[in-house]
Amino acid sequence: MYRYLKLAEYTSLPLAITIFLYLVSGYGMISTTPSLLGFNYVTSSKIHTLPLLRYLTTLLVATHVFTGGTIIINRNLREYPKLRKVAQILNSLYTLVLVMMATLSEIELVFRP
């Protein structure tokens, strides 16, 4: 459990930064207000469509969700071992589907003509 807690803590700051970049760059494409921070339309569209940032954000979200879900499951379902096992399997499947969907989507974008 300690390792999961540390991993959730370590992913929180990079995740907050990547989400901030996505939000500000998204608003930078539709508004002039973020240009005060240097996010004009050209810069914002480059940041917002950067494949590496998109995939990194997905991996950070998946890691953070998996570790946080594991912590919550183990804390709240301690007295129900069967239910805890089912919840852990669902948590793992959710994370696996999220990562696979992002990976396959990025691979498809690379090979799209």
N, C-alpha and C. Protein backbone atom coordinates (compact mmCIF):
# COMPACT_ATOMS: atom_id res chain seq x y z
N MET A 1 0.82 -1.19 0.00
CA MET A 1 0.00 0.00 0.00
C MET A 1 0.87 1.26 0.00
N TYR A 2 1.99 1.21 0.68
CA TYR A 2 2.88 2.37 0.74
C TYR A 2 3.38 2.73 -0.65
N ARG A 3 3.72 1.72 -1.43
CA ARG A 3 4.20 1.96 -2.80
C ARG A 3 3.11 2.61 -3.67
N TYR A 4 1.89 2.14 -3.53
CA TYR A 4 0.79 2.72 -4.29
C TYR A 4 0.57 4.19 -3.90
N LEU A 5 0.65 4.47 -2.61
CA LEU A 5 0.47 5.83 -2.15
C LEU A 5 1.57 6.74 -2.69
N LYS A 6 2.81 6.27 -2.66
CA LYS A 6 3.93 7.05 -3.19
C LYS A 6 3.77 7.27 -4.70
N LEU A 7 3.37 6.23 -5.43
CA LEU A 7 3.19 6.37 -6.87
C LEU A 7 2.07 7.35 -7.20
N ALA A 8 1.00 7.33 -6.43
CA ALA A 8 -0.09 8.30 -6.64
C ALA A 8 0.41 9.72 -6.36
N GLU A 9 1.25 9.87 -5.34
CA GLU A 9 1.81 11.19 -5.03
C GLU A 9 2.76 11.65 -6.13
N TYR A 10 3.58 10.76 -6.64
CA TYR A 10 4.56 11.13 -7.66
C TYR A 10 3.91 11.47 -9.00
N THR A 11 2.76 10.90 -9.29
CA THR A 11 2.11 11.20 -10.56
C THR A 11 1.21 12.44 -10.48
N SER A 12 0.91 12.91 -9.28
CA SER A 12 -0.05 14.01 -9.15
C SER A 12 0.48 15.33 -9.71
N LEU A 13 1.70 15.71 -9.43
CA LEU A 13 2.22 16.98 -9.93
C LEU A 13 2.43 16.98 -11.45
N PRO A 14 3.08 15.95 -12.04
CA PRO A 14 3.16 15.95 -13.51
C PRO A 14 1.80 15.90 -14.18
N LEU A 15 0.85 15.21 -13.58
CA LEU A 15 -0.50 15.15 -14.13
C LEU A 15 -1.16 16.52 -14.07
N ALA A 16 -0.99 17.23 -12.99
CA ALA A 16 -1.56 18.57 -12.87
C ALA A 16 -0.94 19.51 -13.91
N ILE A 17 0.35 19.37 -14.16
CA ILE A 17 1.02 20.21 -15.15
C ILE A 17 0.50 19.91 -16.56
N THR A 18 0.40 18.63 -16.91
CA THR A 18 -0.06 18.29 -18.26
C THR A 18 -1.52 18.69 -18.47
N ILE A 19 -2.35 18.54 -17.45
CA ILE A 19 -3.74 18.96 -17.57
C ILE A 19 -3.83 20.48 -17.70
N PHE A 20 -3.00 21.19 -16.95
CA PHE A 20 -2.95 22.64 -17.07
C PHE A 20 -2.57 23.05 -18.49
N LEU A 21 -1.56 22.39 -19.06
CA LEU A 21 -1.15 22.70 -20.43
C LEU A 21 -2.29 22.45 -21.42
N TYR A 22 -3.01 21.35 -21.24
CA TYR A 22 -4.12 21.06 -22.14
C TYR A 22 -5.24 22.09 -21.99
N LEU A 23 -5.57 22.47 -20.78
CA LEU A 23 -6.64 23.43 -20.59
C LEU A 23 -6.28 24.80 -21.15
N VAL A 24 -5.09 25.28 -20.81
CA VAL A 24 -4.69 26.61 -21.27
C VAL A 24 -4.51 26.62 -22.79
N SER A 25 -3.92 25.56 -23.35
CA SER A 25 -3.75 25.53 -24.80
C SER A 25 -5.10 25.40 -25.52
N GLY A 26 -6.02 24.68 -24.93
CA GLY A 26 -7.36 24.58 -25.51
C GLY A 26 -8.06 25.93 -25.53
N TYR A 27 -7.98 26.64 -24.41
CA TYR A 27 -8.56 27.97 -24.38
C TYR A 27 -7.78 28.94 -25.27
N GLY A 28 -6.47 28.69 -25.43
CA GLY A 28 -5.66 29.54 -26.30
C GLY A 28 -6.05 29.44 -27.76
N MET A 29 -6.68 28.34 -28.13
CA MET A 29 -7.13 28.18 -29.51
C MET A 29 -8.46 28.86 -29.78
N ILE A 30 -9.22 29.13 -28.72
CA ILE A 30 -10.55 29.73 -28.94
C ILE A 30 -10.70 31.11 -28.31
N SER A 31 -9.69 31.58 -27.58
CA SER A 31 -9.79 32.87 -26.90
C SER A 31 -8.45 33.59 -26.95
N THR A 32 -8.47 34.87 -26.76
CA THR A 32 -7.22 35.64 -26.75
C THR A 32 -6.68 35.85 -25.34
N THR A 33 -7.43 35.51 -24.32
CA THR A 33 -7.00 35.73 -22.95
C THR A 33 -5.72 34.95 -22.60
N PRO A 34 -5.58 33.65 -22.97
CA PRO A 34 -4.34 32.94 -22.63
C PRO A 34 -3.10 33.48 -23.34
N SER A 35 -3.28 34.38 -24.30
CA SER A 35 -2.10 34.96 -24.96
C SER A 35 -1.30 35.81 -23.98
N LEU A 36 -1.90 36.21 -22.88
CA LEU A 36 -1.17 36.91 -21.82
C LEU A 36 -0.09 36.03 -21.22
N LEU A 37 -0.30 34.71 -21.27
CA LEU A 37 0.69 33.75 -20.77
C LEU A 37 1.57 33.20 -21.89
N GLY A 38 1.40 33.72 -23.09
CA GLY A 38 2.20 33.25 -24.22
C GLY A 38 1.54 32.15 -25.03
N PHE A 39 0.29 31.87 -24.75
CA PHE A 39 -0.43 30.82 -25.47
C PHE A 39 -1.28 31.43 -26.57
N ASN A 40 -0.64 31.85 -27.66
CA ASN A 40 -1.41 32.34 -28.80
C ASN A 40 -1.95 31.14 -29.57
N TYR A 41 -2.66 31.38 -30.66
CA TYR A 41 -3.30 30.29 -31.39
C TYR A 41 -2.29 29.27 -31.91
N VAL A 42 -1.20 29.74 -32.50
CA VAL A 42 -0.21 28.82 -33.09
C VAL A 42 0.44 27.95 -32.02
N THR A 43 0.91 28.59 -30.95
CA THR A 43 1.55 27.84 -29.86
C THR A 43 0.56 26.88 -29.21
N SER A 44 -0.65 27.36 -28.98
CA SER A 44 -1.67 26.52 -28.34
C SER A 44 -2.02 25.31 -29.19
N SER A 45 -2.16 25.49 -30.50
CA SER A 45 -2.52 24.35 -31.34
C SER A 45 -1.37 23.34 -31.42
N LYS A 46 -0.13 23.81 -31.40
CA LYS A 46 1.01 22.88 -31.39
C LYS A 46 1.05 22.07 -30.10
N ILE A 47 0.86 22.74 -28.98
CA ILE A 47 0.87 22.05 -27.68
C ILE A 47 -0.31 21.09 -27.58
N HIS A 48 -1.48 21.56 -27.97
CA HIS A 48 -2.70 20.78 -27.79
C HIS A 48 -2.73 19.52 -28.65
N THR A 49 -2.02 19.53 -29.77
CA THR A 49 -2.03 18.36 -30.66
C THR A 49 -0.73 17.57 -30.61
N LEU A 50 0.10 17.81 -29.64
CA LEU A 50 1.38 17.11 -29.51
C LEU A 50 1.13 15.66 -29.07
N PRO A 51 1.48 14.67 -29.90
CA PRO A 51 1.19 13.28 -29.56
C PRO A 51 1.90 12.79 -28.28
N LEU A 52 3.13 13.20 -28.08
CA LEU A 52 3.86 12.74 -26.90
C LEU A 52 3.21 13.25 -25.62
N LEU A 53 2.79 14.50 -25.62
CA LEU A 53 2.12 15.05 -24.44
C LEU A 53 0.79 14.35 -24.19
N ARG A 54 0.07 14.08 -25.26
CA ARG A 54 -1.22 13.38 -25.14
C ARG A 54 -1.03 11.99 -24.54
N TYR A 55 -0.03 11.26 -25.04
CA TYR A 55 0.20 9.90 -24.55
C TYR A 55 0.75 9.92 -23.12
N LEU A 56 1.63 10.86 -22.83
CA LEU A 56 2.17 10.99 -21.47
C LEU A 56 1.05 11.28 -20.48
N THR A 57 0.14 12.16 -20.86
CA THR A 57 -0.99 12.48 -19.99
C THR A 57 -1.85 11.24 -19.75
N THR A 58 -2.07 10.46 -20.79
CA THR A 58 -2.86 9.24 -20.65
C THR A 58 -2.18 8.26 -19.71
N LEU A 59 -0.88 8.09 -19.85
CA LEU A 59 -0.16 7.17 -18.95
C LEU A 59 -0.19 7.67 -17.51
N LEU A 60 -0.04 8.96 -17.32
CA LEU A 60 -0.12 9.52 -15.97
C LEU A 60 -1.51 9.34 -15.37
N VAL A 61 -2.54 9.57 -16.18
CA VAL A 61 -3.91 9.37 -15.70
C VAL A 61 -4.14 7.91 -15.33
N ALA A 62 -3.69 7.00 -16.19
CA ALA A 62 -3.89 5.58 -15.93
C ALA A 62 -3.17 5.14 -14.66
N THR A 63 -1.94 5.58 -14.49
CA THR A 63 -1.18 5.23 -13.29
C THR A 63 -1.83 5.82 -12.05
N HIS A 64 -2.23 7.06 -12.13
CA HIS A 64 -2.84 7.73 -10.98
C HIS A 64 -4.18 7.09 -10.61
N VAL A 65 -4.98 6.79 -11.62
CA VAL A 65 -6.28 6.16 -11.37
C VAL A 65 -6.10 4.75 -10.79
N PHE A 66 -5.17 4.00 -11.34
CA PHE A 66 -4.96 2.64 -10.85
C PHE A 66 -4.48 2.63 -9.39
N THR A 67 -3.48 3.46 -9.10
CA THR A 67 -2.95 3.47 -7.73
C THR A 67 -3.97 4.03 -6.75
N GLY A 68 -4.65 5.11 -7.14
CA GLY A 68 -5.67 5.67 -6.26
C GLY A 68 -6.82 4.71 -6.05
N GLY A 69 -7.24 4.06 -7.12
CA GLY A 69 -8.32 3.07 -7.00
C GLY A 69 -7.92 1.90 -6.11
N THR A 70 -6.68 1.45 -6.23
CA THR A 70 -6.20 0.36 -5.39
C THR A 70 -6.19 0.75 -3.93
N ILE A 71 -5.76 1.97 -3.65
CA ILE A 71 -5.75 2.45 -2.26
C ILE A 71 -7.16 2.50 -1.71
N ILE A 72 -8.08 3.07 -2.46
CA ILE A 72 -9.47 3.19 -2.00
C ILE A 72 -10.11 1.82 -1.81
N ILE A 73 -9.86 0.91 -2.75
CA ILE A 73 -10.42 -0.44 -2.65
C ILE A 73 -9.90 -1.14 -1.40
N ASN A 74 -8.60 -1.08 -1.18
CA ASN A 74 -8.03 -1.78 -0.02
C ASN A 74 -8.45 -1.15 1.30
N ARG A 75 -8.68 0.15 1.33
CA ARG A 75 -9.11 0.80 2.57
C ARG A 75 -10.58 0.52 2.89
N ASN A 76 -11.42 0.57 1.88
CA ASN A 76 -12.86 0.50 2.13
C ASN A 76 -13.46 -0.89 2.04
N LEU A 77 -12.79 -1.80 1.38
CA LEU A 77 -13.34 -3.15 1.24
C LEU A 77 -12.50 -4.19 1.97
N ARG A 78 -11.87 -3.78 3.03
CA ARG A 78 -11.00 -4.68 3.79
C ARG A 78 -11.76 -5.89 4.35
N GLU A 79 -13.00 -5.66 4.77
CA GLU A 79 -13.79 -6.73 5.40
C GLU A 79 -14.49 -7.63 4.39
N TYR A 80 -14.42 -7.29 3.11
CA TYR A 80 -15.12 -8.05 2.08
C TYR A 80 -14.12 -8.54 1.03
N PRO A 81 -13.43 -9.65 1.31
CA PRO A 81 -12.35 -10.08 0.40
C PRO A 81 -12.82 -10.42 -1.02
N LYS A 82 -14.00 -11.01 -1.18
CA LYS A 82 -14.48 -11.34 -2.52
C LYS A 82 -14.82 -10.07 -3.32
N LEU A 83 -15.51 -9.15 -2.68
CA LEU A 83 -15.85 -7.90 -3.33
C LEU A 83 -14.59 -7.09 -3.65
N ARG A 84 -13.62 -7.15 -2.73
CA ARG A 84 -12.35 -6.45 -2.96
C ARG A 84 -11.64 -7.03 -4.18
N LYS A 85 -11.66 -8.33 -4.32
CA LYS A 85 -11.02 -8.96 -5.48
C LYS A 85 -11.70 -8.56 -6.78
N VAL A 86 -13.03 -8.53 -6.78
CA VAL A 86 -13.77 -8.11 -7.97
C VAL A 86 -13.45 -6.65 -8.31
N ALA A 87 -13.42 -5.80 -7.30
CA ALA A 87 -13.12 -4.39 -7.53
C ALA A 87 -11.69 -4.21 -8.04
N GLN A 88 -10.75 -4.99 -7.54
CA GLN A 88 -9.37 -4.91 -8.03
C GLN A 88 -9.28 -5.35 -9.49
N ILE A 89 -10.02 -6.38 -9.84
CA ILE A 89 -10.03 -6.84 -11.24
C ILE A 89 -10.63 -5.76 -12.15
N LEU A 90 -11.74 -5.15 -11.72
CA LEU A 90 -12.35 -4.08 -12.51
C LEU A 90 -11.43 -2.87 -12.63
N ASN A 91 -10.73 -2.54 -11.57
CA ASN A 91 -9.77 -1.44 -11.59
C ASN A 91 -8.64 -1.74 -12.57
N SER A 92 -8.14 -2.96 -12.55
CA SER A 92 -7.07 -3.35 -13.48
C SER A 92 -7.56 -3.35 -14.92
N LEU A 93 -8.76 -3.86 -15.16
CA LEU A 93 -9.32 -3.88 -16.51
C LEU A 93 -9.55 -2.47 -17.05
N TYR A 94 -10.07 -1.60 -16.20
CA TYR A 94 -10.29 -0.21 -16.60
C TYR A 94 -8.97 0.44 -17.02
N THR A 95 -7.95 0.24 -16.23
CA THR A 95 -6.64 0.82 -16.54
C THR A 95 -6.07 0.22 -17.81
N LEU A 96 -6.19 -1.08 -17.97
CA LEU A 96 -5.69 -1.74 -19.16
C LEU A 96 -6.41 -1.26 -20.41
N VAL A 97 -7.72 -1.13 -20.35
CA VAL A 97 -8.48 -0.65 -21.51
C VAL A 97 -8.09 0.79 -21.84
N LEU A 98 -7.91 1.62 -20.84
CA LEU A 98 -7.52 3.01 -21.07
C LEU A 98 -6.17 3.10 -21.77
N VAL A 99 -5.19 2.34 -21.29
CA VAL A 99 -3.85 2.38 -21.89
C VAL A 99 -3.86 1.76 -23.28
N MET A 100 -4.55 0.66 -23.46
CA MET A 100 -4.60 0.02 -24.78
C MET A 100 -5.31 0.90 -25.80
N MET A 101 -6.39 1.55 -25.40
CA MET A 101 -7.11 2.42 -26.31
C MET A 101 -6.22 3.60 -26.74
N ALA A 102 -5.50 4.18 -25.80
CA ALA A 102 -4.61 5.29 -26.14
C ALA A 102 -3.46 4.82 -27.01
N THR A 103 -2.88 3.67 -26.70
CA THR A 103 -1.76 3.15 -27.47
C THR A 103 -2.18 2.83 -28.90
N LEU A 104 -3.29 2.13 -29.04
CA LEU A 104 -3.76 1.79 -30.38
C LEU A 104 -4.16 3.03 -31.18
N SER A 105 -4.73 4.02 -30.53
CA SER A 105 -5.09 5.25 -31.22
C SER A 105 -3.85 5.99 -31.70
N GLU A 106 -2.82 6.05 -30.88
CA GLU A 106 -1.59 6.73 -31.28
C GLU A 106 -0.87 5.98 -32.40
N ILE A 107 -0.90 4.65 -32.35
CA ILE A 107 -0.31 3.86 -33.42
C ILE A 107 -1.07 4.10 -34.72
N GLU A 108 -2.39 4.13 -34.64
CA GLU A 108 -3.19 4.38 -35.85
C GLU A 108 -2.88 5.76 -36.43
N LEU A 109 -2.71 6.75 -35.58
CA LEU A 109 -2.41 8.10 -36.08
C LEU A 109 -1.05 8.17 -36.75
N VAL A 110 -0.10 7.35 -36.29
CA VAL A 110 1.22 7.34 -36.90
C VAL A 110 1.16 6.75 -38.31
N PHE A 111 0.38 5.70 -38.48
CA PHE A 111 0.32 5.00 -39.76
C PHE A 111 -0.80 5.48 -40.69
N ARG A 112 -1.56 6.47 -40.26
CA ARG A 112 -2.63 7.01 -41.11
C ARG A 112 -2.01 7.79 -42.27
N PRO A 113 -2.50 7.57 -43.48
CA PRO A 113 -1.92 8.29 -44.63
C PRO A 113 -2.27 9.75 -44.65
